[in-house]
Amino acid sequence: MNEKKIQRINELARKKKTVGLTGPEKVEQAKLRKEYIEGYRHSLLHHIAGIKIVDEDGNDVTPEKLRQLQRERGLHGRSLDDPNS
């Protein structure tokens, strides 16, 4: 999300606290918030997908659900052809 949209979200939040929002402004605020949350979720998922969990002995203990996501994205040398990766 670009800086102008974030500024607009903040502007609408300030206005809501002071004088209130009009109908079209409420719709705009909801749309911008939804877009912001979707971007945040995408970013968080991307970050989590890059994590590899290793125990004290150096063994990969990444949960299977995360390993599957990494296989699909080709991360950490995991392969869809090798279910043990």
PDB file of N, CA and C in Angstrom:
ATOM      1  N   MET A   1       0.860  -1.168   0.000  1.00  0.00           N
ATOM      2  CA  MET A   1       0.000   0.000   0.000  1.00  0.00           C
ATOM      3  C   MET A   1       0.905   1.230   0.000  1.00  0.00           C
ATOM      4  N   ASN A   2       0.555   2.199  -0.812  1.00  0.00           N
ATOM      5  CA  ASN A   2       1.411   3.376  -0.913  1.00  0.00           C
ATOM      6  C   ASN A   2       1.147   4.365   0.235  1.00  0.00           C
ATOM      7  N   GLU A   3       2.058   5.275   0.393  1.00  0.00           N
ATOM      8  CA  GLU A   3       2.018   6.234   1.503  1.00  0.00           C
ATOM      9  C   GLU A   3       0.791   7.145   1.455  1.00  0.00           C
ATOM     10  N   LYS A   4       0.351   7.509   0.259  1.00  0.00           N
ATOM     11  CA  LYS A   4      -0.829   8.380   0.145  1.00  0.00           C
ATOM     12  C   LYS A   4      -2.073   7.701   0.716  1.00  0.00           C
ATOM     13  N   LYS A   5      -2.214   6.407   0.467  1.00  0.00           N
ATOM     14  CA  LYS A   5      -3.379   5.688   0.974  1.00  0.00           C
ATOM     15  C   LYS A   5      -3.316   5.558   2.498  1.00  0.00           C
ATOM     16  N   ILE A   6      -2.131   5.330   3.026  1.00  0.00           N
ATOM     17  CA  ILE A   6      -1.978   5.244   4.481  1.00  0.00           C
ATOM     18  C   ILE A   6      -2.292   6.591   5.119  1.00  0.00           C
ATOM     19  N   GLN A   7      -1.841   7.664   4.494  1.00  0.00           N
ATOM     20  CA  GLN A   7      -2.158   8.999   5.004  1.00  0.00           C
ATOM     21  C   GLN A   7      -3.669   9.236   4.980  1.00  0.00           C
ATOM     22  N   ARG A   8      -4.314   8.753   3.930  1.00  0.00           N
ATOM     23  CA  ARG A   8      -5.773   8.931   3.826  1.00  0.00           C
ATOM     24  C   ARG A   8      -6.496   8.127   4.916  1.00  0.00           C
ATOM     25  N   ILE A   9      -6.027   6.916   5.197  1.00  0.00           N
ATOM     26  CA  ILE A   9      -6.602   6.114   6.275  1.00  0.00           C
ATOM     27  C   ILE A   9      -6.510   6.886   7.589  1.00  0.00           C
ATOM     28  N   ASN A  10      -5.343   7.443   7.861  1.00  0.00           N
ATOM     29  CA  ASN A  10      -5.136   8.192   9.101  1.00  0.00           C
ATOM     30  C   ASN A  10      -5.990   9.464   9.141  1.00  0.00           C
ATOM     31  N   GLU A  11      -6.096  10.129   8.007  1.00  0.00           N
ATOM     32  CA  GLU A  11      -6.918  11.342   7.920  1.00  0.00           C
ATOM     33  C   GLU A  11      -8.383  11.024   8.230  1.00  0.00           C
ATOM     34  N   LEU A  12      -8.886   9.935   7.650  1.00  0.00           N
ATOM     35  CA  LEU A  12     -10.272   9.542   7.903  1.00  0.00           C
ATOM     36  C   LEU A  12     -10.467   9.119   9.363  1.00  0.00           C
ATOM     37  N   ALA A  13      -9.484   8.464   9.948  1.00  0.00           N
ATOM     38  CA  ALA A  13      -9.584   8.059  11.357  1.00  0.00           C
ATOM     39  C   ALA A  13      -9.648   9.286  12.265  1.00  0.00           C
ATOM     40  N   ARG A  14      -8.821  10.279  11.981  1.00  0.00           N
ATOM     41  CA  ARG A  14      -8.846  11.513  12.783  1.00  0.00           C
ATOM     42  C   ARG A  14     -10.194  12.228  12.639  1.00  0.00           C
ATOM     43  N   LYS A  15     -10.687  12.282  11.400  1.00  0.00           N
ATOM     44  CA  LYS A  15     -11.957  12.965  11.158  1.00  0.00           C
ATOM     45  C   LYS A  15     -13.103  12.233  11.853  1.00  0.00           C
ATOM     46  N   LYS A  16     -13.051  10.906  11.848  1.00  0.00           N
ATOM     47  CA  LYS A  16     -14.096  10.119  12.499  1.00  0.00           C
ATOM     48  C   LYS A  16     -14.155  10.430  13.997  1.00  0.00           C
ATOM     49  N   LYS A  17     -12.987  10.620  14.609  1.00  0.00           N
ATOM     50  CA  LYS A  17     -12.934  10.912  16.042  1.00  0.00           C
ATOM     51  C   LYS A  17     -13.415  12.322  16.375  1.00  0.00           C
ATOM     52  N   THR A  18     -13.245  13.242  15.445  1.00  0.00           N
ATOM     53  CA  THR A  18     -13.589  14.634  15.734  1.00  0.00           C
ATOM     54  C   THR A  18     -14.998  15.003  15.284  1.00  0.00           C
ATOM     55  N   VAL A  19     -15.243  15.003  13.979  1.00  0.00           N
ATOM     56  CA  VAL A  19     -16.532  15.476  13.460  1.00  0.00           C
ATOM     57  C   VAL A  19     -17.403  14.373  12.870  1.00  0.00           C
ATOM     58  N   GLY A  20     -16.853  13.193  12.693  1.00  0.00           N
ATOM     59  CA  GLY A  20     -17.608  12.098  12.094  1.00  0.00           C
ATOM     60  C   GLY A  20     -17.413  12.036  10.590  1.00  0.00           C
ATOM     61  N   LEU A  21     -17.810  10.923  10.023  1.00  0.00           N
ATOM     62  CA  LEU A  21     -17.635  10.698   8.587  1.00  0.00           C
ATOM     63  C   LEU A  21     -18.986  10.705   7.877  1.00  0.00           C
ATOM     64  N   THR A  22     -18.957  11.116   6.618  1.00  0.00           N
ATOM     65  CA  THR A  22     -20.144  11.040   5.780  1.00  0.00           C
ATOM     66  C   THR A  22     -20.279   9.598   5.282  1.00  0.00           C
ATOM     67  N   GLY A  23     -21.390   9.296   4.679  1.00  0.00           N
ATOM     68  CA  GLY A  23     -21.612   7.954   4.133  1.00  0.00           C
ATOM     69  C   GLY A  23     -20.526   7.517   3.163  1.00  0.00           C
ATOM     70  N   PRO A  24     -20.219   8.361   2.139  1.00  0.00           N
ATOM     71  CA  PRO A  24     -19.175   7.978   1.190  1.00  0.00           C
ATOM     72  C   PRO A  24     -17.793   7.831   1.848  1.00  0.00           C
ATOM     73  N   GLU A  25     -17.526   8.620   2.875  1.00  0.00           N
ATOM     74  CA  GLU A  25     -16.240   8.513   3.575  1.00  0.00           C
ATOM     75  C   GLU A  25     -16.153   7.207   4.361  1.00  0.00           C
ATOM     76  N   LYS A  26     -17.274   6.768   4.919  1.00  0.00           N
ATOM     77  CA  LYS A  26     -17.297   5.493   5.633  1.00  0.00           C
ATOM     78  C   LYS A  26     -16.999   4.342   4.677  1.00  0.00           C
ATOM     79  N   VAL A  27     -17.581   4.412   3.490  1.00  0.00           N
ATOM     80  CA  VAL A  27     -17.340   3.384   2.473  1.00  0.00           C
ATOM     81  C   VAL A  27     -15.869   3.400   2.056  1.00  0.00           C
ATOM     82  N   GLU A  28     -15.322   4.597   1.828  1.00  0.00           N
ATOM     83  CA  GLU A  28     -13.917   4.731   1.442  1.00  0.00           C
ATOM     84  C   GLU A  28     -13.014   4.178   2.541  1.00  0.00           C
ATOM     85  N   GLN A  29     -13.327   4.503   3.797  1.00  0.00           N
ATOM     86  CA  GLN A  29     -12.515   4.036   4.913  1.00  0.00           C
ATOM     87  C   GLN A  29     -12.526   2.503   4.989  1.00  0.00           C
ATOM     88  N   ALA A  30     -13.690   1.910   4.828  1.00  0.00           N
ATOM     89  CA  ALA A  30     -13.798   0.453   4.879  1.00  0.00           C
ATOM     90  C   ALA A  30     -12.989  -0.191   3.750  1.00  0.00           C
ATOM     91  N   LYS A  31     -13.058   0.392   2.562  1.00  0.00           N
ATOM     92  CA  LYS A  31     -12.319  -0.129   1.414  1.00  0.00           C
ATOM     93  C   LYS A  31     -10.813  -0.035   1.654  1.00  0.00           C
ATOM     94  N   LEU A  32     -10.363   1.108   2.151  1.00  0.00           N
ATOM     95  CA  LEU A  32      -8.933   1.292   2.411  1.00  0.00           C
ATOM     96  C   LEU A  32      -8.444   0.360   3.520  1.00  0.00           C
ATOM     97  N   ARG A  33      -9.225   0.205   4.556  1.00  0.00           N
ATOM     98  CA  ARG A  33      -8.848  -0.702   5.648  1.00  0.00           C
ATOM     99  C   ARG A  33      -8.734  -2.135   5.145  1.00  0.00           C
ATOM    100  N   LYS A  34      -9.702  -2.553   4.328  1.00  0.00           N
ATOM    101  CA  LYS A  34      -9.670  -3.909   3.784  1.00  0.00           C
ATOM    102  C   LYS A  34      -8.408  -4.119   2.947  1.00  0.00           C
ATOM    103  N   GLU A  35      -8.090  -3.152   2.110  1.00  0.00           N
ATOM    104  CA  GLU A  35      -6.890  -3.245   1.277  1.00  0.00           C
ATOM    105  C   GLU A  35      -5.631  -3.310   2.140  1.00  0.00           C
ATOM    106  N   TYR A  36      -5.589  -2.502   3.204  1.00  0.00           N
ATOM    107  CA  TYR A  36      -4.433  -2.484   4.104  1.00  0.00           C
ATOM    108  C   TYR A  36      -4.277  -3.840   4.794  1.00  0.00           C
ATOM    109  N   ILE A  37      -5.370  -4.396   5.299  1.00  0.00           N
ATOM    110  CA  ILE A  37      -5.315  -5.675   6.003  1.00  0.00           C
ATOM    111  C   ILE A  37      -4.907  -6.801   5.058  1.00  0.00           C
ATOM    112  N   GLU A  38      -5.418  -6.802   3.842  1.00  0.00           N
ATOM    113  CA  GLU A  38      -5.026  -7.825   2.862  1.00  0.00           C
ATOM    114  C   GLU A  38      -3.536  -7.755   2.575  1.00  0.00           C
ATOM    115  N   GLY A  39      -3.004  -6.547   2.422  1.00  0.00           N
ATOM    116  CA  GLY A  39      -1.567  -6.380   2.192  1.00  0.00           C
ATOM    117  C   GLY A  39      -0.748  -6.849   3.375  1.00  0.00           C
ATOM    118  N   TYR A  40      -1.226  -6.544   4.578  1.00  0.00           N
ATOM    119  CA  TYR A  40      -0.524  -6.959   5.792  1.00  0.00           C
ATOM    120  C   TYR A  40      -0.505  -8.484   5.900  1.00  0.00           C
ATOM    121  N   ARG A  41      -1.635  -9.109   5.640  1.00  0.00           N
ATOM    122  CA  ARG A  41      -1.708 -10.574   5.697  1.00  0.00           C
ATOM    123  C   ARG A  41      -0.778 -11.214   4.672  1.00  0.00           C
ATOM    124  N   HIS A  42      -0.768 -10.669   3.471  1.00  0.00           N
ATOM    125  CA  HIS A  42       0.105 -11.193   2.418  1.00  0.00           C
ATOM    126  C   HIS A  42       1.564 -11.088   2.848  1.00  0.00           C
ATOM    127  N   SER A  43       1.930  -9.946   3.396  1.00  0.00           N
ATOM    128  CA  SER A  43       3.296  -9.729   3.851  1.00  0.00           C
ATOM    129  C   SER A  43       3.663 -10.692   4.977  1.00  0.00           C
ATOM    130  N   LEU A  44       2.754 -10.890   5.919  1.00  0.00           N
ATOM    131  CA  LEU A  44       2.997 -11.790   7.043  1.00  0.00           C
ATOM    132  C   LEU A  44       3.147 -13.228   6.562  1.00  0.00           C
ATOM    133  N   LEU A  45       2.288 -13.665   5.660  1.00  0.00           N
ATOM    134  CA  LEU A  45       2.385 -15.018   5.127  1.00  0.00           C
ATOM    135  C   LEU A  45       3.702 -15.217   4.390  1.00  0.00           C
ATOM    136  N   HIS A  46       4.109 -14.230   3.622  1.00  0.00           N
ATOM    137  CA  HIS A  46       5.379 -14.300   2.907  1.00  0.00           C
ATOM    138  C   HIS A  46       6.533 -14.446   3.896  1.00  0.00           C
ATOM    139  N   HIS A  47       6.487 -13.681   4.984  1.00  0.00           N
ATOM    140  CA  HIS A  47       7.533 -13.743   6.004  1.00  0.00           C
ATOM    141  C   HIS A  47       7.546 -15.117   6.682  1.00  0.00           C
ATOM    142  N   ILE A  48       6.382 -15.608   7.074  1.00  0.00           N
ATOM    143  CA  ILE A  48       6.290 -16.900   7.754  1.00  0.00           C
ATOM    144  C   ILE A  48       6.754 -18.029   6.840  1.00  0.00           C
ATOM    145  N   ALA A  49       6.431 -17.937   5.558  1.00  0.00           N
ATOM    146  CA  ALA A  49       6.818 -18.979   4.613  1.00  0.00           C
ATOM    147  C   ALA A  49       8.331 -19.124   4.521  1.00  0.00           C
ATOM    148  N   GLY A  50       9.057 -18.080   4.848  1.00  0.00           N
ATOM    149  CA  GLY A  50      10.514 -18.135   4.766  1.00  0.00           C
ATOM    150  C   GLY A  50      11.192 -18.664   6.013  1.00  0.00           C
ATOM    151  N   ILE A  51      10.422 -19.022   7.031  1.00  0.00           N
ATOM    152  CA  ILE A  51      10.998 -19.479   8.297  1.00  0.00           C
ATOM    153  C   ILE A  51      11.264 -20.978   8.264  1.00  0.00           C
ATOM    154  N   LYS A  52      12.426 -21.351   8.766  1.00  0.00           N
ATOM    155  CA  LYS A  52      12.770 -22.755   8.925  1.00  0.00           C
ATOM    156  C   LYS A  52      13.116 -22.949  10.395  1.00  0.00           C
ATOM    157  N   ILE A  53      12.461 -23.893  11.047  1.00  0.00           N
ATOM    158  CA  ILE A  53      12.645 -24.095  12.483  1.00  0.00           C
ATOM    159  C   ILE A  53      13.601 -25.261  12.704  1.00  0.00           C
ATOM    160  N   VAL A  54      14.619 -25.006  13.533  1.00  0.00           N
ATOM    161  CA  VAL A  54      15.654 -25.994  13.795  1.00  0.00           C
ATOM    162  C   VAL A  54      15.809 -26.146  15.307  1.00  0.00           C
ATOM    163  N   ASP A  55      15.927 -27.394  15.785  1.00  0.00           N
ATOM    164  CA  ASP A  55      16.115 -27.600  17.222  1.00  0.00           C
ATOM    165  C   ASP A  55      17.587 -27.409  17.605  1.00  0.00           C
ATOM    166  N   GLU A  56      17.894 -27.627  18.891  1.00  0.00           N
ATOM    167  CA  GLU A  56      19.253 -27.401  19.396  1.00  0.00           C
ATOM    168  C   GLU A  56      20.287 -28.290  18.718  1.00  0.00           C
ATOM    169  N   ASP A  57      19.864 -29.454  18.231  1.00  0.00           N
ATOM    170  CA  ASP A  57      20.789 -30.395  17.587  1.00  0.00           C
ATOM    171  C   ASP A  57      20.933 -30.146  16.091  1.00  0.00           C
ATOM    172  N   GLY A  58      20.243 -29.143  15.588  1.00  0.00           N
ATOM    173  CA  GLY A  58      20.333 -28.821  14.166  1.00  0.00           C
ATOM    174  C   GLY A  58      19.342 -29.570  13.296  1.00  0.00           C
ATOM    175  N   ASN A  59      18.402 -30.262  13.922  1.00  0.00           N
ATOM    176  CA  ASN A  59      17.389 -31.001  13.158  1.00  0.00           C
ATOM    177  C   ASN A  59      16.254 -30.073  12.748  1.00  0.00           C
ATOM    178  N   ASP A  60      15.808 -30.226  11.509  1.00  0.00           N
ATOM    179  CA  ASP A  60      14.697 -29.425  11.001  1.00  0.00           C
ATOM    180  C   ASP A  60      13.409 -29.919  11.647  1.00  0.00           C
ATOM    181  N   VAL A  61      12.748 -29.062  12.416  1.00  0.00           N
ATOM    182  CA  VAL A  61      11.499 -29.424  13.085  1.00  0.00           C
ATOM    183  C   VAL A  61      10.355 -28.521  12.621  1.00  0.00           C
ATOM    184  N   THR A  62      10.463 -28.026  11.403  1.00  0.00           N
ATOM    185  CA  THR A  62       9.430 -27.169  10.828  1.00  0.00           C
ATOM    186  C   THR A  62       8.125 -27.951  10.734  1.00  0.00           C
ATOM    187  N   PRO A  63       6.999 -27.381  11.183  1.00  0.00           N
ATOM    188  CA  PRO A  63       5.714 -28.081  11.092  1.00  0.00           C
ATOM    189  C   PRO A  63       5.378 -28.457   9.648  1.00  0.00           C
ATOM    190  N   GLU A  64       4.721 -29.592   9.483  1.00  0.00           N
ATOM    191  CA  GLU A  64       4.426 -30.121   8.147  1.00  0.00           C
ATOM    192  C   GLU A  64       3.611 -29.150   7.297  1.00  0.00           C
ATOM    193  N   LYS A  65       2.676 -28.447   7.894  1.00  0.00           N
ATOM    194  CA  LYS A  65       1.861 -27.496   7.139  1.00  0.00           C
ATOM    195  C   LYS A  65       2.745 -26.405   6.524  1.00  0.00           C
ATOM    196  N   LEU A  66       3.713 -25.933   7.274  1.00  0.00           N
ATOM    197  CA  LEU A  66       4.637 -24.917   6.775  1.00  0.00           C
ATOM    198  C   LEU A  66       5.579 -25.514   5.736  1.00  0.00           C
ATOM    199  N   ARG A  67       6.026 -26.749   5.966  1.00  0.00           N
ATOM    200  CA  ARG A  67       6.892 -27.415   4.970  1.00  0.00           C
ATOM    201  C   ARG A  67       6.174 -27.522   3.624  1.00  0.00           C
ATOM    202  N   GLN A  68       4.876 -27.877   3.664  1.00  0.00           N
ATOM    203  CA  GLN A  68       4.114 -28.007   2.418  1.00  0.00           C
ATOM    204  C   GLN A  68       4.065 -26.668   1.678  1.00  0.00           C
ATOM    205  N   LEU A  69       3.826 -25.606   2.407  1.00  0.00           N
ATOM    206  CA  LEU A  69       3.808 -24.280   1.794  1.00  0.00           C
ATOM    207  C   LEU A  69       5.168 -23.960   1.175  1.00  0.00           C
ATOM    208  N   GLN A  70       6.232 -24.314   1.874  1.00  0.00           N
ATOM    209  CA  GLN A  70       7.581 -24.071   1.360  1.00  0.00           C
ATOM    210  C   GLN A  70       7.867 -24.924   0.131  1.00  0.00           C
ATOM    211  N   ARG A  71       7.363 -26.163   0.110  1.00  0.00           N
ATOM    212  CA  ARG A  71       7.527 -27.016  -1.081  1.00  0.00           C
ATOM    213  C   ARG A  71       6.846 -26.377  -2.285  1.00  0.00           C
ATOM    214  N   GLU A  72       5.625 -25.875  -2.053  1.00  0.00           N
ATOM    215  CA  GLU A  72       4.875 -25.251  -3.136  1.00  0.00           C
ATOM    216  C   GLU A  72       5.594 -24.028  -3.687  1.00  0.00           C
ATOM    217  N   ARG A  73       6.305 -23.326  -2.816  1.00  0.00           N
ATOM    218  CA  ARG A  73       7.014 -22.116  -3.238  1.00  0.00           C
ATOM    219  C   ARG A  73       8.475 -22.378  -3.588  1.00  0.00           C
ATOM    220  N   GLY A  74       8.937 -23.608  -3.412  1.00  0.00           N
ATOM    221  CA  GLY A  74      10.318 -23.953  -3.729  1.00  0.00           C
ATOM    222  C   GLY A  74      11.326 -23.321  -2.790  1.00  0.00           C
ATOM    223  N   LEU A  75      10.971 -23.182  -1.524  1.00  0.00           N
ATOM    224  CA  LEU A  75      11.849 -22.541  -0.541  1.00  0.00           C
ATOM    225  C   LEU A  75      12.646 -23.567   0.257  1.00  0.00           C
ATOM    226  N   HIS A  76      13.801 -23.185   0.717  1.00  0.00           N
ATOM    227  CA  HIS A  76      14.664 -23.993   1.585  1.00  0.00           C
ATOM    228  C   HIS A  76      15.020 -25.336   0.963  1.00  0.00           C
ATOM    229  N   GLY A  77      15.087 -25.387  -0.346  1.00  0.00           N
ATOM    230  CA  GLY A  77      15.457 -26.622  -1.026  1.00  0.00           C
ATOM    231  C   GLY A  77      14.404 -27.715  -0.907  1.00  0.00           C
ATOM    232  N   ARG A  78      13.214 -27.356  -0.515  1.00  0.00           N
ATOM    233  CA  ARG A  78      12.139 -28.344  -0.388  1.00  0.00           C
ATOM    234  C   ARG A  78      11.544 -28.570  -1.779  1.00  0.00           C
ATOM    235  N   SER A  79      11.180 -29.795  -2.029  1.00  0.00           N
ATOM    236  CA  SER A  79      10.686 -30.148  -3.356  1.00  0.00           C
ATOM    237  C   SER A  79       9.356 -30.890  -3.251  1.00  0.00           C
ATOM    238  N   LEU A  80       8.451 -30.603  -4.170  1.00  0.00           N
ATOM    239  CA  LEU A  80       7.186 -31.340  -4.221  1.00  0.00           C
ATOM    240  C   LEU A  80       7.418 -32.800  -4.575  1.00  0.00           C
ATOM    241  N   ASP A  81       8.546 -33.073  -5.247  1.00  0.00           N
ATOM    242  CA  ASP A  81       8.872 -34.454  -5.642  1.00  0.00           C
ATOM    243  C   ASP A  81       9.376 -35.274  -4.473  1.00  0.00           C
ATOM    244  N   ASP A  82       9.891 -34.602  -3.429  1.00  0.00           N
ATOM    245  CA  ASP A  82      10.442 -35.310  -2.277  1.00  0.00           C
ATOM    246  C   ASP A  82       9.623 -34.980  -1.028  1.00  0.00           C
ATOM    247  N   PRO A  83       8.718 -35.854  -0.619  1.00  0.00           N
ATOM    248  CA  PRO A  83       7.867 -35.570   0.545  1.00  0.00           C
ATOM    249  C   PRO A  83       8.647 -35.476   1.855  1.00  0.00           C
ATOM    250  N   ASN A  84       9.881 -35.935   1.878  1.00  0.00           N
ATOM    251  CA  ASN A  84      10.712 -35.885   3.089  1.00  0.00           C
ATOM    252  C   ASN A  84      11.515 -34.606   3.186  1.00  0.00           C
ATOM    253  N   SER A  85      11.411 -33.740   2.202  1.00  0.00           N
ATOM    254  CA  SER A  85      12.212 -32.511   2.224  1.00  0.00           C
ATOM    255  C   SER A  85      11.562 -31.463   3.089  1.00  0.00           C
TER     256      SER A  85
END
